[in-house]
All heavy atoms as atom14 arrays in JSON, in Angstrom:
{
  "sequence": "TVTQDLTDVPTVTSAEESFYDQIPLVKNVIGFAKDHLSIRYRSGGT",
  "atom14_mask": [
    [1, 1, 1, 1, 1, 1, 1, 0, 0, 0, 0, 0, 0, 0],
    [1, 1, 1, 1, 1, 1, 1, 0, 0, 0, 0, 0, 0, 0],
    [1, 1, 1, 1, 1, 1, 1, 0, 0, 0, 0, 0, 0, 0],
    [1, 1, 1, 1, 1, 1, 1, 1, 1, 0, 0, 0, 0, 0],
    [1, 1, 1, 1, 1, 1, 1, 1, 0, 0, 0, 0, 0, 0],
    [1, 1, 1, 1, 1, 1, 1, 1, 0, 0, 0, 0, 0, 0],
    [1, 1, 1, 1, 1, 1, 1, 0, 0, 0, 0, 0, 0, 0],
    [1, 1, 1, 1, 1, 1, 1, 1, 0, 0, 0, 0, 0, 0],
    [1, 1, 1, 1, 1, 1, 1, 0, 0, 0, 0, 0, 0, 0],
    [1, 1, 1, 1, 1, 1, 1, 0, 0, 0, 0, 0, 0, 0],
    [1, 1, 1, 1, 1, 1, 1, 0, 0, 0, 0, 0, 0, 0],
    [1, 1, 1, 1, 1, 1, 1, 0, 0, 0, 0, 0, 0, 0],
    [1, 1, 1, 1, 1, 1, 1, 0, 0, 0, 0, 0, 0, 0],
    [1, 1, 1, 1, 1, 1, 0, 0, 0, 0, 0, 0, 0, 0],
    [1, 1, 1, 1, 1, 0, 0, 0, 0, 0, 0, 0, 0, 0],
    [1, 1, 1, 1, 1, 1, 1, 1, 1, 0, 0, 0, 0, 0],
    [1, 1, 1, 1, 1, 1, 1, 1, 1, 0, 0, 0, 0, 0],
    [1, 1, 1, 1, 1, 1, 0, 0, 0, 0, 0, 0, 0, 0],
    [1, 1, 1, 1, 1, 1, 1, 1, 1, 1, 1, 0, 0, 0],
    [1, 1, 1, 1, 1, 1, 1, 1, 1, 1, 1, 1, 0, 0],
    [1, 1, 1, 1, 1, 1, 1, 1, 0, 0, 0, 0, 0, 0],
    [1, 1, 1, 1, 1, 1, 1, 1, 1, 0, 0, 0, 0, 0],
    [1, 1, 1, 1, 1, 1, 1, 1, 0, 0, 0, 0, 0, 0],
    [1, 1, 1, 1, 1, 1, 1, 0, 0, 0, 0, 0, 0, 0],
    [1, 1, 1, 1, 1, 1, 1, 1, 0, 0, 0, 0, 0, 0],
    [1, 1, 1, 1, 1, 1, 1, 0, 0, 0, 0, 0, 0, 0],
    [1, 1, 1, 1, 1, 1, 1, 1, 1, 0, 0, 0, 0, 0],
    [1, 1, 1, 1, 1, 1, 1, 1, 0, 0, 0, 0, 0, 0],
    [1, 1, 1, 1, 1, 1, 1, 0, 0, 0, 0, 0, 0, 0],
    [1, 1, 1, 1, 1, 1, 1, 1, 0, 0, 0, 0, 0, 0],
    [1, 1, 1, 1, 0, 0, 0, 0, 0, 0, 0, 0, 0, 0],
    [1, 1, 1, 1, 1, 1, 1, 1, 1, 1, 1, 0, 0, 0],
    [1, 1, 1, 1, 1, 0, 0, 0, 0, 0, 0, 0, 0, 0],
    [1, 1, 1, 1, 1, 1, 1, 1, 1, 0, 0, 0, 0, 0],
    [1, 1, 1, 1, 1, 1, 1, 1, 0, 0, 0, 0, 0, 0],
    [1, 1, 1, 1, 1, 1, 1, 1, 1, 1, 0, 0, 0, 0],
    [1, 1, 1, 1, 1, 1, 1, 1, 0, 0, 0, 0, 0, 0],
    [1, 1, 1, 1, 1, 1, 0, 0, 0, 0, 0, 0, 0, 0],
    [1, 1, 1, 1, 1, 1, 1, 1, 0, 0, 0, 0, 0, 0],
    [1, 1, 1, 1, 1, 1, 1, 1, 1, 1, 1, 0, 0, 0],
    [1, 1, 1, 1, 1, 1, 1, 1, 1, 1, 1, 1, 0, 0],
    [1, 1, 1, 1, 1, 1, 1, 1, 1, 1, 1, 0, 0, 0],
    [1, 1, 1, 1, 1, 1, 0, 0, 0, 0, 0, 0, 0, 0],
    [1, 1, 1, 1, 0, 0, 0, 0, 0, 0, 0, 0, 0, 0],
    [1, 1, 1, 1, 0, 0, 0, 0, 0, 0, 0, 0, 0, 0],
    [1, 1, 1, 1, 1, 1, 1, 0, 0, 0, 0, 0, 0, 0]
  ],
  "atom14_positions": [
    [[28.86, 7.15, 6.86], [28.48, 6.33, 5.68], [27.13, 6.72, 5.08], [26.36, 7.28, 5.73], [28.46, 4.84, 6.0], [27.4, 4.68, 7.0], [29.7, 4.33, 6.82], [0.0, 0.0, 0.0], [0.0, 0.0, 0.0], [0.0, 0.0, 0.0], [0.0, 0.0, 0.0], [0.0, 0.0, 0.0], [0.0, 0.0, 0.0], [0.0, 0.0, 0.0]],
    [[27.02, 6.38, 3.81], [25.73, 6.77, 3.23], [24.55, 6.07, 3.89], [23.5, 6.74, 4.07], [25.8, 6.29, 1.73], [24.43, 6.44, 1.05], [26.68, 7.15, 0.95], [0.0, 0.0, 0.0], [0.0, 0.0, 0.0], [0.0, 0.0, 0.0], [0.0, 0.0, 0.0], [0.0, 0.0, 0.0], [0.0, 0.0, 0.0], [0.0, 0.0, 0.0]],
    [[24.72, 4.82, 4.39], [23.66, 4.13, 5.07], [23.25, 4.9, 6.34], [22.06, 4.78, 6.8], [23.94, 2.69, 5.31], [25.18, 2.61, 6.04], [24.0, 1.92, 4.03], [0.0, 0.0, 0.0], [0.0, 0.0, 0.0], [0.0, 0.0, 0.0], [0.0, 0.0, 0.0], [0.0, 0.0, 0.0], [0.0, 0.0, 0.0], [0.0, 0.0, 0.0]],
    [[24.15, 5.42, 7.1], [23.79, 6.1, 8.25], [23.02, 7.35, 7.93], [22.14, 7.71, 8.66], [25.14, 6.53, 8.93], [25.91, 5.42, 9.6], [27.28, 5.83, 10.1], [27.73, 6.86, 9.6], [27.73, 5.2, 11.09], [0.0, 0.0, 0.0], [0.0, 0.0, 0.0], [0.0, 0.0, 0.0], [0.0, 0.0, 0.0], [0.0, 0.0, 0.0]],
    [[23.27, 8.04, 6.82], [22.65, 9.18, 6.44], [21.21, 8.89, 5.91], [20.31, 9.84, 5.94], [23.3, 9.93, 5.34], [24.73, 10.51, 5.94], [24.78, 10.65, 7.08], [25.49, 10.77, 5.12], [0.0, 0.0, 0.0], [0.0, 0.0, 0.0], [0.0, 0.0, 0.0], [0.0, 0.0, 0.0], [0.0, 0.0, 0.0], [0.0, 0.0, 0.0]],
    [[20.96, 7.74, 5.45], [19.69, 7.39, 4.92], [18.6, 6.45, 5.72], [17.81, 5.95, 5.14], [19.96, 6.77, 3.38], [20.69, 7.52, 2.45], [20.87, 6.71, 1.18], [19.85, 8.77, 2.02], [0.0, 0.0, 0.0], [0.0, 0.0, 0.0], [0.0, 0.0, 0.0], [0.0, 0.0, 0.0], [0.0, 0.0, 0.0], [0.0, 0.0, 0.0]],
    [[19.06, 6.4, 6.96], [18.25, 5.61, 7.87], [16.77, 5.84, 7.98], [15.94, 4.93, 8.17], [18.79, 5.42, 9.25], [18.91, 6.76, 9.69], [20.17, 4.66, 9.25], [0.0, 0.0, 0.0], [0.0, 0.0, 0.0], [0.0, 0.0, 0.0], [0.0, 0.0, 0.0], [0.0, 0.0, 0.0], [0.0, 0.0, 0.0], [0.0, 0.0, 0.0]],
    [[16.47, 7.17, 7.76], [15.06, 7.49, 7.91], [14.27, 7.62, 6.63], [13.2, 7.97, 6.58], [15.06, 9.0, 8.58], [15.56, 9.0, 10.09], [15.47, 7.92, 10.6], [16.02, 10.1, 10.44], [0.0, 0.0, 0.0], [0.0, 0.0, 0.0], [0.0, 0.0, 0.0], [0.0, 0.0, 0.0], [0.0, 0.0, 0.0], [0.0, 0.0, 0.0]],
    [[15.0, 7.26, 5.55], [14.3, 7.21, 4.28], [13.39, 5.91, 4.16], [13.85, 4.92, 4.32], [15.2, 7.28, 3.06], [14.57, 7.2, 1.72], [16.12, 8.5, 3.11], [0.0, 0.0, 0.0], [0.0, 0.0, 0.0], [0.0, 0.0, 0.0], [0.0, 0.0, 0.0], [0.0, 0.0, 0.0], [0.0, 0.0, 0.0], [0.0, 0.0, 0.0]],
    [[12.06, 6.17, 3.86], [11.18, 5.03, 3.83], [11.43, 4.17, 2.61], [11.75, 4.73, 1.48], [9.78, 5.64, 3.74], [9.94, 6.94, 3.28], [11.34, 7.35, 3.69], [0.0, 0.0, 0.0], [0.0, 0.0, 0.0], [0.0, 0.0, 0.0], [0.0, 0.0, 0.0], [0.0, 0.0, 0.0], [0.0, 0.0, 0.0], [0.0, 0.0, 0.0]],
    [[11.33, 2.88, 2.64], [11.38, 2.05, 1.47], [10.06, 1.52, 0.98], [9.21, 1.34, 1.82], [12.23, 0.83, 1.63], [11.67, 0.13, 2.72], [13.68, 1.27, 2.05], [0.0, 0.0, 0.0], [0.0, 0.0, 0.0], [0.0, 0.0, 0.0], [0.0, 0.0, 0.0], [0.0, 0.0, 0.0], [0.0, 0.0, 0.0], [0.0, 0.0, 0.0]],
    [[9.82, 1.36, -0.31], [8.47, 0.97, -0.72], [8.48, -0.33, -1.43], [7.62, -0.83, -1.92], [7.89, 1.99, -1.78], [7.67, 3.32, -1.0], [8.89, 2.21, -2.89], [0.0, 0.0, 0.0], [0.0, 0.0, 0.0], [0.0, 0.0, 0.0], [0.0, 0.0, 0.0], [0.0, 0.0, 0.0], [0.0, 0.0, 0.0], [0.0, 0.0, 0.0]],
    [[9.79, -0.95, -1.41], [9.86, -2.16, -2.25], [8.96, -3.37, -1.74], [8.49, -4.22, -2.44], [11.33, -2.62, -2.4], [11.9, -2.72, -1.06], [12.2, -1.62, -3.19], [0.0, 0.0, 0.0], [0.0, 0.0, 0.0], [0.0, 0.0, 0.0], [0.0, 0.0, 0.0], [0.0, 0.0, 0.0], [0.0, 0.0, 0.0], [0.0, 0.0, 0.0]],
    [[8.93, -3.54, -0.35], [8.2, -4.77, 0.09], [6.73, -4.72, -0.18], [6.26, -5.74, -0.67], [8.29, -4.65, 1.7], [7.64, -3.65, 2.25], [0.0, 0.0, 0.0], [0.0, 0.0, 0.0], [0.0, 0.0, 0.0], [0.0, 0.0, 0.0], [0.0, 0.0, 0.0], [0.0, 0.0, 0.0], [0.0, 0.0, 0.0], [0.0, 0.0, 0.0]],
    [[6.04, -3.62, -0.2], [4.69, -3.65, -0.64], [4.56, -3.92, -2.08], [3.74, -4.68, -2.66], [3.93, -2.33, -0.28], [0.0, 0.0, 0.0], [0.0, 0.0, 0.0], [0.0, 0.0, 0.0], [0.0, 0.0, 0.0], [0.0, 0.0, 0.0], [0.0, 0.0, 0.0], [0.0, 0.0, 0.0], [0.0, 0.0, 0.0], [0.0, 0.0, 0.0]],
    [[5.42, -3.11, -2.86], [5.39, -3.36, -4.41], [5.74, -4.88, -4.76], [5.09, -5.43, -5.49], [6.53, -2.48, -4.81], [6.11, -1.86, -6.25], [7.06, -0.81, -6.65], [8.14, -1.23, -7.17], [6.82, 0.38, -6.5], [0.0, 0.0, 0.0], [0.0, 0.0, 0.0], [0.0, 0.0, 0.0], [0.0, 0.0, 0.0], [0.0, 0.0, 0.0]],
    [[6.75, -5.42, -4.06], [7.16, -6.8, -4.34], [6.09, -7.83, -3.98], [5.79, -8.66, -4.79], [8.43, -7.17, -3.66], [9.74, -6.47, -4.14], [10.99, -6.69, -3.36], [10.83, -7.26, -2.39], [11.88, -6.27, -3.89], [0.0, 0.0, 0.0], [0.0, 0.0, 0.0], [0.0, 0.0, 0.0], [0.0, 0.0, 0.0], [0.0, 0.0, 0.0]],
    [[5.37, -7.56, -2.94], [4.33, -8.55, -2.55], [3.17, -8.45, -3.56], [2.59, -9.51, -3.85], [3.98, -8.24, -1.04], [3.21, -7.05, -1.03], [0.0, 0.0, 0.0], [0.0, 0.0, 0.0], [0.0, 0.0, 0.0], [0.0, 0.0, 0.0], [0.0, 0.0, 0.0], [0.0, 0.0, 0.0], [0.0, 0.0, 0.0], [0.0, 0.0, 0.0]],
    [[2.79, -7.24, -3.95], [1.73, -7.16, -5.04], [2.27, -7.78, -6.33], [1.57, -8.62, -6.9], [1.42, -5.72, -5.28], [0.23, -5.62, -6.22], [-1.01, -5.9, -5.71], [0.31, -5.35, -7.48], [-2.12, -5.88, -6.49], [-0.67, -5.19, -8.22], [-1.99, -5.51, -7.83], [0.0, 0.0, 0.0], [0.0, 0.0, 0.0], [0.0, 0.0, 0.0]],
    [[3.51, -7.61, -6.68], [4.01, -8.24, -7.92], [4.16, -9.74, -7.81], [4.05, -10.53, -8.77], [5.34, -7.64, -8.34], [5.3, -6.2, -8.78], [6.31, -5.35, -8.59], [4.2, -5.75, -9.7], [6.22, -4.06, -9.06], [4.22, -4.48, -10.04], [5.23, -3.68, -9.8], [5.11, -2.35, -10.3], [0.0, 0.0, 0.0], [0.0, 0.0, 0.0]],
    [[4.39, -10.2, -6.55], [4.46, -11.66, -6.33], [3.15, -12.29, -6.44], [3.02, -13.46, -7.08], [4.99, -11.98, -4.89], [6.38, -11.69, -4.74], [7.14, -11.54, -5.74], [6.87, -11.53, -3.53], [0.0, 0.0, 0.0], [0.0, 0.0, 0.0], [0.0, 0.0, 0.0], [0.0, 0.0, 0.0], [0.0, 0.0, 0.0], [0.0, 0.0, 0.0]],
    [[1.97, -11.55, -6.18], [0.68, -12.09, -6.37], [0.24, -12.12, -7.96], [-0.34, -13.08, -8.32], [-0.35, -11.2, -5.74], [-0.36, -11.17, -4.22], [-1.16, -10.2, -3.5], [-2.14, -9.66, -4.06], [-0.77, -9.85, -2.39], [0.0, 0.0, 0.0], [0.0, 0.0, 0.0], [0.0, 0.0, 0.0], [0.0, 0.0, 0.0], [0.0, 0.0, 0.0]],
    [[0.69, -11.12, -8.63], [0.45, -11.12, -10.07], [1.72, -10.58, -10.81], [1.79, -9.36, -11.1], [-0.76, -10.08, -10.27], [-1.94, -10.53, -9.46], [-1.13, -10.11, -11.9], [-3.12, -9.63, -9.55], [0.0, 0.0, 0.0], [0.0, 0.0, 0.0], [0.0, 0.0, 0.0], [0.0, 0.0, 0.0], [0.0, 0.0, 0.0], [0.0, 0.0, 0.0]],
    [[2.54, -11.44, -11.12], [3.85, -11.21, -11.65], [3.79, -10.33, -12.93], [4.59, -9.47, -13.27], [4.63, -12.6, -11.79], [3.77, -13.47, -10.99], [2.42, -12.89, -10.81], [0.0, 0.0, 0.0], [0.0, 0.0, 0.0], [0.0, 0.0, 0.0], [0.0, 0.0, 0.0], [0.0, 0.0, 0.0], [0.0, 0.0, 0.0], [0.0, 0.0, 0.0]],
    [[2.72, -10.6, -13.73], [2.72, -9.99, -15.0], [2.46, -8.39, -14.9], [2.78, -7.71, -15.9], [1.65, -10.45, -15.94], [1.93, -11.94, -16.52], [0.92, -12.49, -17.35], [3.24, -11.86, -17.29], [0.0, 0.0, 0.0], [0.0, 0.0, 0.0], [0.0, 0.0, 0.0], [0.0, 0.0, 0.0], [0.0, 0.0, 0.0], [0.0, 0.0, 0.0]],
    [[2.08, -8.03, -13.72], [1.84, -6.57, -13.52], [3.21, -5.81, -13.83], [3.21, -4.8, -14.58], [1.38, -6.15, -12.18], [1.42, -4.69, -11.83], [-0.02, -6.67, -11.96], [0.0, 0.0, 0.0], [0.0, 0.0, 0.0], [0.0, 0.0, 0.0], [0.0, 0.0, 0.0], [0.0, 0.0, 0.0], [0.0, 0.0, 0.0], [0.0, 0.0, 0.0]],
    [[4.33, -6.26, -13.37], [5.56, -5.72, -13.4], [5.87, -5.66, -14.93], [6.47, -4.69, -15.48], [6.59, -6.45, -12.62], [8.03, -5.82, -12.73], [8.88, -6.5, -11.73], [10.16, -5.83, -11.43], [10.94, -6.48, -10.37], [0.0, 0.0, 0.0], [0.0, 0.0, 0.0], [0.0, 0.0, 0.0], [0.0, 0.0, 0.0], [0.0, 0.0, 0.0]],
    [[5.49, -6.69, -15.66], [5.81, -6.65, -17.13], [5.01, -5.64, -17.88], [5.56, -4.87, -18.84], [5.58, -7.98, -17.73], [6.63, -9.02, -17.21], [7.62, -8.71, -16.72], [6.15, -10.25, -17.07], [0.0, 0.0, 0.0], [0.0, 0.0, 0.0], [0.0, 0.0, 0.0], [0.0, 0.0, 0.0], [0.0, 0.0, 0.0], [0.0, 0.0, 0.0]],
    [[3.68, -5.42, -17.59], [2.84, -4.4, -18.15], [3.46, -3.13, -17.87], [3.54, -2.27, -18.82], [1.4, -4.53, -17.65], [0.5, -3.34, -18.19], [0.7, -5.94, -18.08], [0.0, 0.0, 0.0], [0.0, 0.0, 0.0], [0.0, 0.0, 0.0], [0.0, 0.0, 0.0], [0.0, 0.0, 0.0], [0.0, 0.0, 0.0], [0.0, 0.0, 0.0]],
    [[3.73, -2.78, -16.69], [4.3, -1.44, -16.28], [5.6, -1.26, -16.96], [5.97, -0.13, -17.55], [4.47, -1.38, -14.73], [2.96, -1.3, -14.07], [5.25, 0.01, -14.4], [3.0, -1.39, -12.72], [0.0, 0.0, 0.0], [0.0, 0.0, 0.0], [0.0, 0.0, 0.0], [0.0, 0.0, 0.0], [0.0, 0.0, 0.0], [0.0, 0.0, 0.0]],
    [[6.46, -2.23, -17.12], [7.72, -2.09, -17.78], [7.53, -1.8, -19.22], [8.24, -0.93, -19.77], [0.0, 0.0, 0.0], [0.0, 0.0, 0.0], [0.0, 0.0, 0.0], [0.0, 0.0, 0.0], [0.0, 0.0, 0.0], [0.0, 0.0, 0.0], [0.0, 0.0, 0.0], [0.0, 0.0, 0.0], [0.0, 0.0, 0.0], [0.0, 0.0, 0.0]],
    [[6.61, -2.45, -19.85], [6.24, -2.25, -21.25], [5.8, -0.78, -21.35], [6.14, -0.17, -22.37], [5.31, -3.29, -21.66], [4.89, -3.23, -23.11], [5.85, -3.65, -24.23], [3.68, -2.81, -23.53], [5.55, -3.56, -25.5], [3.33, -2.75, -24.95], [4.31, -3.13, -25.82], [0.0, 0.0, 0.0], [0.0, 0.0, 0.0], [0.0, 0.0, 0.0]],
    [[5.09, -0.3, -20.61], [4.51, 1.05, -20.72], [5.5, 2.08, -20.47], [5.64, 3.02, -21.34], [3.4, 1.23, -19.51], [0.0, 0.0, 0.0], [0.0, 0.0, 0.0], [0.0, 0.0, 0.0], [0.0, 0.0, 0.0], [0.0, 0.0, 0.0], [0.0, 0.0, 0.0], [0.0, 0.0, 0.0], [0.0, 0.0, 0.0], [0.0, 0.0, 0.0]],
    [[6.56, 1.77, -19.66], [7.71, 2.68, -19.39], [8.51, 2.76, -20.72], [9.15, 3.82, -21.02], [8.41, 2.29, -18.24], [7.76, 2.48, -16.97], [8.66, 2.06, -15.79], [7.99, 2.1, -14.37], [8.8, 1.62, -13.31], [0.0, 0.0, 0.0], [0.0, 0.0, 0.0], [0.0, 0.0, 0.0], [0.0, 0.0, 0.0], [0.0, 0.0, 0.0]],
    [[8.56, 1.73, -21.48], [9.34, 1.71, -22.66], [8.83, 2.57, -23.7], [9.61, 2.94, -24.67], [9.38, 0.24, -23.22], [10.18, -0.75, -22.49], [11.08, -0.34, -21.52], [10.06, -2.05, -22.61], [0.0, 0.0, 0.0], [0.0, 0.0, 0.0], [0.0, 0.0, 0.0], [0.0, 0.0, 0.0], [0.0, 0.0, 0.0], [0.0, 0.0, 0.0]],
    [[7.71, 3.13, -23.52], [7.07, 3.9, -24.53], [6.91, 5.51, -24.13], [6.25, 6.3, -24.7], [5.6, 3.4, -24.93], [5.81, 2.13, -25.58], [5.88, 0.88, -24.85], [5.75, 1.7, -26.81], [5.96, -0.14, -25.59], [5.93, 0.32, -26.92], [0.0, 0.0, 0.0], [0.0, 0.0, 0.0], [0.0, 0.0, 0.0], [0.0, 0.0, 0.0]],
    [[7.72, 5.8, -23.05], [7.7, 7.23, -22.58], [8.18, 8.1, -23.7], [9.04, 7.68, -24.52], [8.71, 7.3, -21.32], [8.13, 6.96, -20.01], [9.26, 6.75, -19.05], [7.03, 7.9, -19.53], [0.0, 0.0, 0.0], [0.0, 0.0, 0.0], [0.0, 0.0, 0.0], [0.0, 0.0, 0.0], [0.0, 0.0, 0.0], [0.0, 0.0, 0.0]],
    [[7.57, 9.29, -23.76], [7.95, 10.34, -24.68], [7.26, 10.01, -26.13], [7.55, 10.89, -27.04], [9.39, 10.54, -24.79], [9.82, 10.9, -23.64], [0.0, 0.0, 0.0], [0.0, 0.0, 0.0], [0.0, 0.0, 0.0], [0.0, 0.0, 0.0], [0.0, 0.0, 0.0], [0.0, 0.0, 0.0], [0.0, 0.0, 0.0], [0.0, 0.0, 0.0]],
    [[6.56, 8.99, -26.36], [5.85, 8.81, -27.67], [4.83, 9.87, -27.71], [4.14, 10.06, -26.74], [5.4, 7.4, -27.84], [6.58, 6.4, -28.1], [4.35, 7.35, -29.04], [6.25, 4.96, -28.31], [0.0, 0.0, 0.0], [0.0, 0.0, 0.0], [0.0, 0.0, 0.0], [0.0, 0.0, 0.0], [0.0, 0.0, 0.0], [0.0, 0.0, 0.0]],
    [[4.8, 10.5, -28.86], [3.75, 11.72, -28.97], [2.32, 11.28, -28.82], [2.03, 10.15, -29.13], [3.98, 12.47, -30.31], [3.49, 11.65, -31.5], [3.91, 12.4, -32.85], [3.26, 11.73, -34.07], [2.17, 12.41, -34.57], [1.72, 13.48, -34.17], [1.76, 11.81, -35.65], [0.0, 0.0, 0.0], [0.0, 0.0, 0.0], [0.0, 0.0, 0.0]],
    [[1.54, 12.2, -28.53], [0.2, 12.15, -28.38], [-0.47, 12.26, -29.81], [-0.09, 13.0, -30.71], [-0.53, 13.24, -27.54], [-2.04, 13.08, -27.43], [-2.66, 12.37, -26.57], [-2.85, 13.72, -28.49], [-4.02, 12.16, -26.57], [-4.22, 13.66, -28.3], [-4.91, 12.9, -27.43], [-6.19, 12.78, -27.36], [0.0, 0.0, 0.0], [0.0, 0.0, 0.0]],
    [[-1.41, 11.4, -30.09], [-2.05, 11.39, -31.47], [-3.52, 11.05, -31.15], [-3.86, 10.0, -30.7], [-1.47, 10.39, -32.36], [-1.99, 10.51, -33.83], [-1.18, 9.52, -34.65], [-1.46, 9.87, -36.05], [-0.81, 9.37, -37.07], [0.17, 8.5, -36.88], [-1.06, 9.61, -38.22], [0.0, 0.0, 0.0], [0.0, 0.0, 0.0], [0.0, 0.0, 0.0]],
    [[-4.39, 11.95, -31.62], [-5.85, 11.69, -31.34], [-6.24, 10.51, -32.14], [-6.01, 10.24, -33.32], [-6.64, 12.9, -32.04], [-8.01, 12.66, -31.67], [0.0, 0.0, 0.0], [0.0, 0.0, 0.0], [0.0, 0.0, 0.0], [0.0, 0.0, 0.0], [0.0, 0.0, 0.0], [0.0, 0.0, 0.0], [0.0, 0.0, 0.0], [0.0, 0.0, 0.0]],
    [[-6.87, 9.39, -31.44], [-7.26, 8.21, -31.89], [-6.16, 7.26, -32.12], [-6.35, 6.09, -32.62], [0.0, 0.0, 0.0], [0.0, 0.0, 0.0], [0.0, 0.0, 0.0], [0.0, 0.0, 0.0], [0.0, 0.0, 0.0], [0.0, 0.0, 0.0], [0.0, 0.0, 0.0], [0.0, 0.0, 0.0], [0.0, 0.0, 0.0], [0.0, 0.0, 0.0]],
    [[-4.9, 7.55, -31.77], [-3.69, 6.84, -31.94], [-3.69, 5.46, -31.09], [-4.01, 5.57, -29.9], [0.0, 0.0, 0.0], [0.0, 0.0, 0.0], [0.0, 0.0, 0.0], [0.0, 0.0, 0.0], [0.0, 0.0, 0.0], [0.0, 0.0, 0.0], [0.0, 0.0, 0.0], [0.0, 0.0, 0.0], [0.0, 0.0, 0.0], [0.0, 0.0, 0.0]],
    [[-3.22, 4.4, -31.65], [-3.18, 3.11, -31.01], [-1.86, 2.47, -31.17], [-1.71, 1.29, -30.91], [-4.27, 2.21, -31.43], [-4.19, 2.08, -32.85], [-5.66, 2.81, -31.14], [0.0, 0.0, 0.0], [0.0, 0.0, 0.0], [0.0, 0.0, 0.0], [0.0, 0.0, 0.0], [0.0, 0.0, 0.0], [0.0, 0.0, 0.0], [0.0, 0.0, 0.0]]
  ]
}
């Protein structure tokens, strides 16, 4: 099974979730930033 093959793969969700639990809006800020991937660079651009 796939789970047998992946038993040694580390998970990072618990640390991430606990930080997001402390400050839930962090997840929203990061999600918002990800929504803008590939927008071009522009000097002075806002």
